[in-house]
Amino acid sequence: MQETSSFHTLEINVLSCEDLRINGRSVKKNTYVVVRTDPLNFRETTTDTEGGSHPSWYQKLVLDMPTRVTFITLEVHCRTLSEDRIIASARMPVNDFMGGYLPEGYLSFLSYRLKDPKGFQNGVINISVRLRDSEYLAKKKKVIIPEDKCSTSQPALALPVLDGNNHDVVVTGIPVWNAKFT
Protein backbone atom coordinates (compact mmCIF):
# COMPACT_ATOMS: atom_id res chain seq x y z
CA MET A 1 0.00 0.00 0.00
CA GLN A 2 1.38 3.41 -0.97
CA GLU A 3 1.47 6.43 1.31
CA THR A 4 -0.59 9.34 0.02
CA SER A 5 2.00 11.83 1.26
CA SER A 6 4.67 10.45 -1.11
CA PHE A 7 2.54 11.15 -4.20
CA HIS A 8 0.92 14.18 -5.79
CA THR A 9 -1.96 14.13 -8.22
CA LEU A 10 -0.98 15.94 -11.39
CA GLU A 11 -3.42 17.26 -14.01
CA ILE A 12 -1.78 17.99 -17.35
CA ASN A 13 -3.90 19.39 -20.15
CA VAL A 14 -2.08 18.72 -23.42
CA LEU A 15 -3.14 21.61 -25.63
CA SER A 16 -1.23 21.59 -28.92
CA CYS A 17 2.09 21.42 -30.78
CA GLU A 18 3.58 23.70 -33.39
CA ASP A 19 5.84 23.03 -36.37
CA LEU A 20 6.41 19.27 -35.97
CA ARG A 21 8.68 17.63 -38.53
CA ILE A 22 9.97 14.19 -39.46
CA ASN A 23 13.34 14.25 -41.26
CA GLY A 24 12.84 17.93 -42.13
CA ARG A 25 9.34 17.43 -43.59
CA SER A 26 6.09 18.55 -41.98
CA VAL A 27 4.14 15.86 -40.16
CA LYS A 28 1.01 14.88 -42.08
CA LYS A 29 -1.22 13.28 -39.39
CA ASN A 30 -1.62 10.69 -36.62
CA THR A 31 0.26 12.30 -33.73
CA TYR A 32 -0.30 11.79 -30.01
CA VAL A 33 1.48 12.76 -26.80
CA VAL A 34 2.72 10.52 -23.99
CA VAL A 35 3.30 12.14 -20.58
CA ARG A 36 5.62 10.19 -18.23
CA THR A 37 6.34 10.82 -14.57
CA ASP A 38 8.46 7.65 -14.44
CA PRO A 39 8.92 4.60 -16.72
CA LEU A 40 5.88 2.79 -15.29
CA ASN A 41 3.54 5.75 -14.80
CA PHE A 42 2.33 7.42 -17.99
CA ARG A 43 -0.78 8.56 -19.86
CA GLU A 44 -1.34 9.33 -23.53
CA THR A 45 -3.68 11.53 -25.52
CA THR A 46 -5.93 10.42 -28.33
CA THR A 47 -4.51 10.56 -31.84
CA ASP A 48 -4.86 13.81 -33.81
CA THR A 49 -5.62 12.72 -37.37
CA GLU A 50 -6.05 16.11 -39.04
CA GLY A 51 -3.70 18.65 -37.41
CA GLY A 52 -0.63 17.85 -39.48
CA SER A 53 2.43 19.71 -38.20
CA HIS A 54 0.22 21.77 -35.85
CA PRO A 55 -1.85 19.13 -34.01
CA SER A 56 -4.16 19.92 -31.09
CA TRP A 57 -5.69 17.70 -28.42
CA TYR A 58 -7.01 19.85 -25.55
CA GLN A 59 -7.08 16.71 -23.44
CA LYS A 60 -6.64 16.46 -19.67
CA LEU A 61 -4.43 13.64 -18.37
CA VAL A 62 -4.36 12.82 -14.64
CA LEU A 63 -1.29 11.07 -13.23
CA ASP A 64 0.18 10.19 -9.86
CA MET A 65 3.58 11.81 -9.46
CA PRO A 66 6.00 10.57 -6.79
CA THR A 67 7.42 13.44 -4.70
CA ARG A 68 10.97 12.41 -5.66
CA VAL A 69 10.38 13.15 -9.38
CA THR A 70 12.32 16.18 -10.67
CA PHE A 71 11.39 16.02 -14.40
CA ILE A 72 8.36 14.94 -16.40
CA THR A 73 8.87 13.69 -19.94
CA LEU A 74 6.62 14.83 -22.80
CA GLU A 75 6.91 12.66 -25.92
CA VAL A 76 5.23 13.35 -29.25
CA HIS A 77 4.64 10.13 -31.20
CA CYS A 78 3.57 9.54 -34.78
CA ARG A 79 1.62 6.46 -35.89
CA THR A 80 2.30 4.99 -39.31
CA LEU A 81 1.16 1.72 -40.83
CA SER A 82 4.41 0.00 -39.89
CA GLU A 83 5.36 1.60 -36.55
CA ASP A 84 4.80 4.13 -33.78
CA ARG A 85 7.83 6.33 -33.26
CA ILE A 86 8.87 9.23 -31.09
CA ILE A 87 9.35 12.28 -33.29
CA ALA A 88 10.01 14.84 -30.53
CA SER A 89 10.32 15.10 -26.76
CA ALA A 90 10.93 17.56 -23.95
CA ARG A 91 11.79 17.30 -20.27
CA MET A 92 9.65 19.50 -18.05
CA PRO A 93 11.22 20.46 -14.69
CA VAL A 94 8.81 19.96 -11.79
CA ASN A 95 10.03 23.29 -10.34
CA ASP A 96 8.33 25.09 -13.25
CA PHE A 97 4.89 24.45 -11.72
CA MET A 98 5.62 23.32 -8.16
CA GLY A 99 7.64 26.12 -6.61
CA GLY A 100 7.07 27.15 -3.01
CA TYR A 101 5.68 30.49 -4.19
CA LEU A 102 2.74 28.99 -6.13
CA PRO A 103 -0.55 28.35 -4.28
CA GLU A 104 -2.07 24.89 -4.12
CA GLY A 105 -3.97 24.05 -7.30
CA TYR A 106 -2.49 26.94 -9.31
CA LEU A 107 -2.99 26.49 -13.07
CA SER A 108 0.23 27.09 -15.03
CA PHE A 109 0.32 27.47 -18.82
CA LEU A 110 3.69 26.35 -20.16
CA SER A 111 5.38 25.85 -23.55
CA TYR A 112 8.50 23.79 -24.18
CA ARG A 113 10.88 23.48 -27.12
CA LEU A 114 10.78 19.93 -28.45
CA LYS A 115 13.84 18.06 -29.70
CA ASP A 116 13.94 15.15 -32.12
CA PRO A 117 15.74 11.88 -31.23
CA LYS A 118 18.99 13.31 -32.67
CA GLY A 119 18.78 16.39 -30.42
CA PHE A 120 17.74 18.94 -33.05
CA GLN A 121 14.91 21.41 -32.43
CA ASN A 122 11.57 20.07 -33.58
CA GLY A 123 8.64 22.31 -32.69
CA VAL A 124 6.97 23.46 -29.48
CA ILE A 125 4.46 21.81 -27.15
CA ASN A 126 1.85 23.83 -25.23
CA ILE A 127 0.37 22.49 -21.99
CA SER A 128 -1.32 23.54 -18.78
CA VAL A 129 -0.45 21.93 -15.44
CA ARG A 130 -2.21 21.84 -12.09
CA LEU A 131 -0.87 20.06 -9.02
CA ARG A 132 -3.30 18.48 -6.59
CA ASP A 133 -1.95 16.73 -3.51
CA SER A 134 -3.73 13.49 -2.72
CA GLU A 135 -4.03 14.68 0.89
CA TYR A 136 -5.52 17.95 -0.37
CA LEU A 137 -8.22 16.08 -2.28
CA ALA A 138 -8.98 13.89 0.74
CA LYS A 139 -9.41 16.98 2.97
CA LYS A 140 -11.66 18.71 0.47
CA LYS A 141 -14.88 17.32 1.95
CA LYS A 142 -17.97 19.13 3.14
CA VAL A 143 -17.95 20.32 6.73
CA ILE A 144 -21.24 19.58 8.47
CA ILE A 145 -22.10 21.82 11.41
CA PRO A 146 -24.18 20.09 14.10
CA GLU A 147 -27.69 21.50 14.56
CA ASP A 148 -27.04 22.52 18.17
CA LYS A 149 -24.24 24.82 16.92
CA CYS A 150 -26.61 26.65 14.53
CA SER A 151 -29.25 29.10 15.62
CA THR A 152 -32.11 29.96 13.34
CA SER A 153 -34.47 31.41 15.98
CA GLN A 154 -32.12 34.11 17.34
CA PRO A 155 -29.86 36.35 15.25
CA ALA A 156 -26.19 35.61 15.75
CA LEU A 157 -25.27 39.29 15.43
CA ALA A 158 -27.38 42.39 16.00
CA LEU A 159 -25.92 45.86 15.53
CA PRO A 160 -27.77 49.15 15.90
CA VAL A 161 -27.41 51.25 12.76
CA LEU A 162 -28.85 54.64 11.84
CA ASP A 163 -30.68 54.86 8.56
CA GLY A 164 -30.98 58.07 6.49
CA ASN A 165 -33.89 59.36 8.63
CA ASN A 166 -32.02 59.02 11.96
CA HIS A 167 -34.12 56.01 12.97
CA ASP A 168 -32.55 53.10 14.75
CA VAL A 169 -32.48 49.98 12.58
CA VAL A 170 -31.29 46.62 13.84
CA VAL A 171 -29.08 44.69 11.48
CA THR A 172 -29.39 40.95 12.08
CA GLY A 173 -26.58 39.84 9.83
CA ILE A 174 -23.75 41.00 7.66
CA PRO A 175 -24.02 40.26 3.94
CA VAL A 176 -21.27 37.98 2.76
CA TRP A 177 -20.69 36.77 -0.78
CA ASN A 178 -18.16 34.51 -2.39
CA ALA A 179 -17.01 35.88 -5.73
CA LYS A 180 -15.75 33.04 -7.88
CA PHE A 181 -14.05 33.80 -11.14
CA THR A 182 -13.92 30.82 -13.45
C-alpha atoms as a PDB file:
ATOM      1  CA  MET A   1       0.000   0.000   0.000  1.00  0.00           C
ATOM      2  CA  GLN A   2       1.381   3.407  -0.967  1.00  0.00           C
ATOM      3  CA  GLU A   3       1.467   6.426   1.312  1.00  0.00           C
ATOM      4  CA  THR A   4      -0.590   9.339   0.016  1.00  0.00           C
ATOM      5  CA  SER A   5       2.003  11.826   1.261  1.00  0.00           C
ATOM      6  CA  SER A   6       4.670  10.449  -1.113  1.00  0.00           C
ATOM      7  CA  PHE A   7       2.545  11.149  -4.205  1.00  0.00           C
ATOM      8  CA  HIS A   8       0.919  14.177  -5.787  1.00  0.00           C
ATOM      9  CA  THR A   9      -1.964  14.133  -8.223  1.00  0.00           C
ATOM     10  CA  LEU A  10      -0.985  15.942 -11.393  1.00  0.00           C
ATOM     11  CA  GLU A  11      -3.421  17.262 -14.008  1.00  0.00           C
ATOM     12  CA  ILE A  12      -1.781  17.994 -17.348  1.00  0.00           C
ATOM     13  CA  ASN A  13      -3.901  19.389 -20.154  1.00  0.00           C
ATOM     14  CA  VAL A  14      -2.075  18.722 -23.415  1.00  0.00           C
ATOM     15  CA  LEU A  15      -3.138  21.607 -25.635  1.00  0.00           C
ATOM     16  CA  SER A  16      -1.226  21.587 -28.921  1.00  0.00           C
ATOM     17  CA  CYS A  17       2.085  21.419 -30.778  1.00  0.00           C
ATOM     18  CA  GLU A  18       3.577  23.699 -33.391  1.00  0.00           C
ATOM     19  CA  ASP A  19       5.842  23.033 -36.372  1.00  0.00           C
ATOM     20  CA  LEU A  20       6.413  19.273 -35.969  1.00  0.00           C
ATOM     21  CA  ARG A  21       8.676  17.626 -38.525  1.00  0.00           C
ATOM     22  CA  ILE A  22       9.975  14.187 -39.456  1.00  0.00           C
ATOM     23  CA  ASN A  23      13.336  14.247 -41.259  1.00  0.00           C
ATOM     24  CA  GLY A  24      12.842  17.935 -42.125  1.00  0.00           C
ATOM     25  CA  ARG A  25       9.344  17.425 -43.595  1.00  0.00           C
ATOM     26  CA  SER A  26       6.093  18.551 -41.981  1.00  0.00           C
ATOM     27  CA  VAL A  27       4.143  15.863 -40.161  1.00  0.00           C
ATOM     28  CA  LYS A  28       1.013  14.885 -42.081  1.00  0.00           C
ATOM     29  CA  LYS A  29      -1.217  13.277 -39.390  1.00  0.00           C
ATOM     30  CA  ASN A  30      -1.622  10.687 -36.618  1.00  0.00           C
ATOM     31  CA  THR A  31       0.256  12.295 -33.732  1.00  0.00           C
ATOM     32  CA  TYR A  32      -0.302  11.793 -30.014  1.00  0.00           C
ATOM     33  CA  VAL A  33       1.479  12.764 -26.801  1.00  0.00           C
ATOM     34  CA  VAL A  34       2.717  10.523 -23.989  1.00  0.00           C
ATOM     35  CA  VAL A  35       3.304  12.144 -20.578  1.00  0.00           C
ATOM     36  CA  ARG A  36       5.616  10.193 -18.232  1.00  0.00           C
ATOM     37  CA  THR A  37       6.345  10.815 -14.570  1.00  0.00           C
ATOM     38  CA  ASP A  38       8.465   7.649 -14.444  1.00  0.00           C
ATOM     39  CA  PRO A  39       8.924   4.603 -16.715  1.00  0.00           C
ATOM     40  CA  LEU A  40       5.884   2.790 -15.293  1.00  0.00           C
ATOM     41  CA  ASN A  41       3.535   5.746 -14.800  1.00  0.00           C
ATOM     42  CA  PHE A  42       2.334   7.425 -17.991  1.00  0.00           C
ATOM     43  CA  ARG A  43      -0.775   8.561 -19.861  1.00  0.00           C
ATOM     44  CA  GLU A  44      -1.343   9.328 -23.530  1.00  0.00           C
ATOM     45  CA  THR A  45      -3.684  11.533 -25.521  1.00  0.00           C
ATOM     46  CA  THR A  46      -5.930  10.424 -28.328  1.00  0.00           C
ATOM     47  CA  THR A  47      -4.511  10.563 -31.844  1.00  0.00           C
ATOM     48  CA  ASP A  48      -4.855  13.808 -33.810  1.00  0.00           C
ATOM     49  CA  THR A  49      -5.623  12.724 -37.366  1.00  0.00           C
ATOM     50  CA  GLU A  50      -6.047  16.112 -39.037  1.00  0.00           C
ATOM     51  CA  GLY A  51      -3.701  18.647 -37.407  1.00  0.00           C
ATOM     52  CA  GLY A  52      -0.634  17.850 -39.484  1.00  0.00           C
ATOM     53  CA  SER A  53       2.432  19.705 -38.203  1.00  0.00           C
ATOM     54  CA  HIS A  54       0.218  21.770 -35.852  1.00  0.00           C
ATOM     55  CA  PRO A  55      -1.855  19.128 -34.005  1.00  0.00           C
ATOM     56  CA  SER A  56      -4.162  19.917 -31.094  1.00  0.00           C
ATOM     57  CA  TRP A  57      -5.691  17.704 -28.422  1.00  0.00           C
ATOM     58  CA  TYR A  58      -7.006  19.855 -25.555  1.00  0.00           C
ATOM     59  CA  GLN A  59      -7.078  16.714 -23.438  1.00  0.00           C
ATOM     60  CA  LYS A  60      -6.638  16.455 -19.666  1.00  0.00           C
ATOM     61  CA  LEU A  61      -4.428  13.636 -18.374  1.00  0.00           C
ATOM     62  CA  VAL A  62      -4.355  12.815 -14.640  1.00  0.00           C
ATOM     63  CA  LEU A  63      -1.293  11.070 -13.225  1.00  0.00           C
ATOM     64  CA  ASP A  64       0.182  10.187  -9.862  1.00  0.00           C
ATOM     65  CA  MET A  65       3.578  11.812  -9.462  1.00  0.00           C
ATOM     66  CA  PRO A  66       5.999  10.572  -6.794  1.00  0.00           C
ATOM     67  CA  THR A  67       7.417  13.437  -4.704  1.00  0.00           C
ATOM     68  CA  ARG A  68      10.968  12.409  -5.663  1.00  0.00           C
ATOM     69  CA  VAL A  69      10.378  13.150  -9.378  1.00  0.00           C
ATOM     70  CA  THR A  70      12.316  16.181 -10.674  1.00  0.00           C
ATOM     71  CA  PHE A  71      11.393  16.018 -14.398  1.00  0.00           C
ATOM     72  CA  ILE A  72       8.361  14.939 -16.398  1.00  0.00           C
ATOM     73  CA  THR A  73       8.867  13.695 -19.945  1.00  0.00           C
ATOM     74  CA  LEU A  74       6.621  14.835 -22.796  1.00  0.00           C
ATOM     75  CA  GLU A  75       6.911  12.662 -25.925  1.00  0.00           C
ATOM     76  CA  VAL A  76       5.228  13.347 -29.253  1.00  0.00           C
ATOM     77  CA  HIS A  77       4.641  10.133 -31.200  1.00  0.00           C
ATOM     78  CA  CYS A  78       3.571   9.541 -34.781  1.00  0.00           C
ATOM     79  CA  ARG A  79       1.620   6.457 -35.893  1.00  0.00           C
ATOM     80  CA  THR A  80       2.298   4.991 -39.309  1.00  0.00           C
ATOM     81  CA  LEU A  81       1.164   1.722 -40.829  1.00  0.00           C
ATOM     82  CA  SER A  82       4.405  -0.004 -39.887  1.00  0.00           C
ATOM     83  CA  GLU A  83       5.362   1.603 -36.554  1.00  0.00           C
ATOM     84  CA  ASP A  84       4.804   4.133 -33.783  1.00  0.00           C
ATOM     85  CA  ARG A  85       7.830   6.331 -33.263  1.00  0.00           C
ATOM     86  CA  ILE A  86       8.868   9.235 -31.087  1.00  0.00           C
ATOM     87  CA  ILE A  87       9.348  12.281 -33.288  1.00  0.00           C
ATOM     88  CA  ALA A  88      10.007  14.837 -30.528  1.00  0.00           C
ATOM     89  CA  SER A  89      10.322  15.103 -26.763  1.00  0.00           C
ATOM     90  CA  ALA A  90      10.928  17.556 -23.949  1.00  0.00           C
ATOM     91  CA  ARG A  91      11.793  17.301 -20.269  1.00  0.00           C
ATOM     92  CA  MET A  92       9.648  19.503 -18.054  1.00  0.00           C
ATOM     93  CA  PRO A  93      11.218  20.465 -14.692  1.00  0.00           C
ATOM     94  CA  VAL A  94       8.807  19.964 -11.791  1.00  0.00           C
ATOM     95  CA  ASN A  95      10.026  23.292 -10.339  1.00  0.00           C
ATOM     96  CA  ASP A  96       8.333  25.094 -13.254  1.00  0.00           C
ATOM     97  CA  PHE A  97       4.894  24.451 -11.722  1.00  0.00           C
ATOM     98  CA  MET A  98       5.616  23.319  -8.156  1.00  0.00           C
ATOM     99  CA  GLY A  99       7.639  26.117  -6.607  1.00  0.00           C
ATOM    100  CA  GLY A 100       7.075  27.152  -3.007  1.00  0.00           C
ATOM    101  CA  TYR A 101       5.676  30.488  -4.194  1.00  0.00           C
ATOM    102  CA  LEU A 102       2.738  28.987  -6.132  1.00  0.00           C
ATOM    103  CA  PRO A 103      -0.550  28.350  -4.282  1.00  0.00           C
ATOM    104  CA  GLU A 104      -2.072  24.886  -4.123  1.00  0.00           C
ATOM    105  CA  GLY A 105      -3.967  24.050  -7.300  1.00  0.00           C
ATOM    106  CA  TYR A 106      -2.494  26.937  -9.311  1.00  0.00           C
ATOM    107  CA  LEU A 107      -2.992  26.495 -13.066  1.00  0.00           C
ATOM    108  CA  SER A 108       0.229  27.086 -15.027  1.00  0.00           C
ATOM    109  CA  PHE A 109       0.321  27.467 -18.822  1.00  0.00           C
ATOM    110  CA  LEU A 110       3.686  26.349 -20.163  1.00  0.00           C
ATOM    111  CA  SER A 111       5.384  25.851 -23.548  1.00  0.00           C
ATOM    112  CA  TYR A 112       8.502  23.787 -24.185  1.00  0.00           C
ATOM    113  CA  ARG A 113      10.882  23.482 -27.117  1.00  0.00           C
ATOM    114  CA  LEU A 114      10.782  19.926 -28.452  1.00  0.00           C
ATOM    115  CA  LYS A 115      13.836  18.056 -29.704  1.00  0.00           C
ATOM    116  CA  ASP A 116      13.940  15.152 -32.124  1.00  0.00           C
ATOM    117  CA  PRO A 117      15.742  11.884 -31.226  1.00  0.00           C
ATOM    118  CA  LYS A 118      18.993  13.309 -32.667  1.00  0.00           C
ATOM    119  CA  GLY A 119      18.778  16.386 -30.418  1.00  0.00           C
ATOM    120  CA  PHE A 120      17.744  18.943 -33.048  1.00  0.00           C
ATOM    121  CA  GLN A 121      14.907  21.410 -32.429  1.00  0.00           C
ATOM    122  CA  ASN A 122      11.567  20.075 -33.584  1.00  0.00           C
ATOM    123  CA  GLY A 123       8.645  22.307 -32.686  1.00  0.00           C
ATOM    124  CA  VAL A 124       6.968  23.457 -29.485  1.00  0.00           C
ATOM    125  CA  ILE A 125       4.455  21.810 -27.151  1.00  0.00           C
ATOM    126  CA  ASN A 126       1.846  23.828 -25.226  1.00  0.00           C
ATOM    127  CA  ILE A 127       0.366  22.488 -21.988  1.00  0.00           C
ATOM    128  CA  SER A 128      -1.315  23.537 -18.777  1.00  0.00           C
ATOM    129  CA  VAL A 129      -0.448  21.932 -15.435  1.00  0.00           C
ATOM    130  CA  ARG A 130      -2.213  21.844 -12.088  1.00  0.00           C
ATOM    131  CA  LEU A 131      -0.866  20.059  -9.022  1.00  0.00           C
ATOM    132  CA  ARG A 132      -3.296  18.485  -6.593  1.00  0.00           C
ATOM    133  CA  ASP A 133      -1.954  16.725  -3.508  1.00  0.00           C
ATOM    134  CA  SER A 134      -3.734  13.487  -2.722  1.00  0.00           C
ATOM    135  CA  GLU A 135      -4.027  14.677   0.890  1.00  0.00           C
ATOM    136  CA  TYR A 136      -5.516  17.949  -0.371  1.00  0.00           C
ATOM    137  CA  LEU A 137      -8.218  16.083  -2.284  1.00  0.00           C
ATOM    138  CA  ALA A 138      -8.980  13.889   0.739  1.00  0.00           C
ATOM    139  CA  LYS A 139      -9.406  16.980   2.971  1.00  0.00           C
ATOM    140  CA  LYS A 140     -11.663  18.711   0.467  1.00  0.00           C
ATOM    141  CA  LYS A 141     -14.878  17.318   1.955  1.00  0.00           C
ATOM    142  CA  LYS A 142     -17.971  19.135   3.144  1.00  0.00           C
ATOM    143  CA  VAL A 143     -17.955  20.322   6.734  1.00  0.00           C
ATOM    144  CA  ILE A 144     -21.236  19.579   8.466  1.00  0.00           C
ATOM    145  CA  ILE A 145     -22.097  21.821  11.406  1.00  0.00           C
ATOM    146  CA  PRO A 146     -24.176  20.089  14.096  1.00  0.00           C
ATOM    147  CA  GLU A 147     -27.693  21.505  14.558  1.00  0.00           C
ATOM    148  CA  ASP A 148     -27.036  22.523  18.171  1.00  0.00           C
ATOM    149  CA  LYS A 149     -24.241  24.822  16.916  1.00  0.00           C
ATOM    150  CA  CYS A 150     -26.606  26.645  14.529  1.00  0.00           C
ATOM    151  CA  SER A 151     -29.249  29.099  15.616  1.00  0.00           C
ATOM    152  CA  THR A 152     -32.109  29.963  13.342  1.00  0.00           C
ATOM    153  CA  SER A 153     -34.470  31.414  15.978  1.00  0.00           C
ATOM    154  CA  GLN A 154     -32.120  34.109  17.338  1.00  0.00           C
ATOM    155  CA  PRO A 155     -29.856  36.352  15.254  1.00  0.00           C
ATOM    156  CA  ALA A 156     -26.191  35.606  15.748  1.00  0.00           C
ATOM    157  CA  LEU A 157     -25.273  39.290  15.433  1.00  0.00           C
ATOM    158  CA  ALA A 158     -27.382  42.392  16.002  1.00  0.00           C
ATOM    159  CA  LEU A 159     -25.923  45.861  15.527  1.00  0.00           C
ATOM    160  CA  PRO A 160     -27.768  49.146  15.902  1.00  0.00           C
ATOM    161  CA  VAL A 161     -27.408  51.252  12.765  1.00  0.00           C
ATOM    162  CA  LEU A 162     -28.847  54.644  11.836  1.00  0.00           C
ATOM    163  CA  ASP A 163     -30.676  54.861   8.562  1.00  0.00           C
ATOM    164  CA  GLY A 164     -30.976  58.070   6.493  1.00  0.00           C
ATOM    165  CA  ASN A 165     -33.888  59.359   8.633  1.00  0.00           C
ATOM    166  CA  ASN A 166     -32.018  59.020  11.956  1.00  0.00           C
ATOM    167  CA  HIS A 167     -34.125  56.012  12.973  1.00  0.00           C
ATOM    168  CA  ASP A 168     -32.555  53.098  14.746  1.00  0.00           C
ATOM    169  CA  VAL A 169     -32.477  49.977  12.581  1.00  0.00           C
ATOM    170  CA  VAL A 170     -31.288  46.621  13.844  1.00  0.00           C
ATOM    171  CA  VAL A 171     -29.079  44.686  11.476  1.00  0.00           C
ATOM    172  CA  THR A 172     -29.393  40.948  12.083  1.00  0.00           C
ATOM    173  CA  GLY A 173     -26.581  39.840   9.830  1.00  0.00           C
ATOM    174  CA  ILE A 174     -23.754  41.002   7.661  1.00  0.00           C
ATOM    175  CA  PRO A 175     -24.023  40.264   3.936  1.00  0.00           C
ATOM    176  CA  VAL A 176     -21.272  37.984   2.756  1.00  0.00           C
ATOM    177  CA  TRP A 177     -20.688  36.773  -0.779  1.00  0.00           C
ATOM    178  CA  ASN A 178     -18.162  34.512  -2.387  1.00  0.00           C
ATOM    179  CA  ALA A 179     -17.009  35.884  -5.727  1.00  0.00           C
ATOM    180  CA  LYS A 180     -15.754  33.040  -7.881  1.00  0.00           C
ATOM    181  CA  PHE A 181     -14.047  33.799 -11.144  1.00  0.00           C
ATOM    182  CA  THR A 182     -13.917  30.818 -13.454  1.00  0.00           C
END
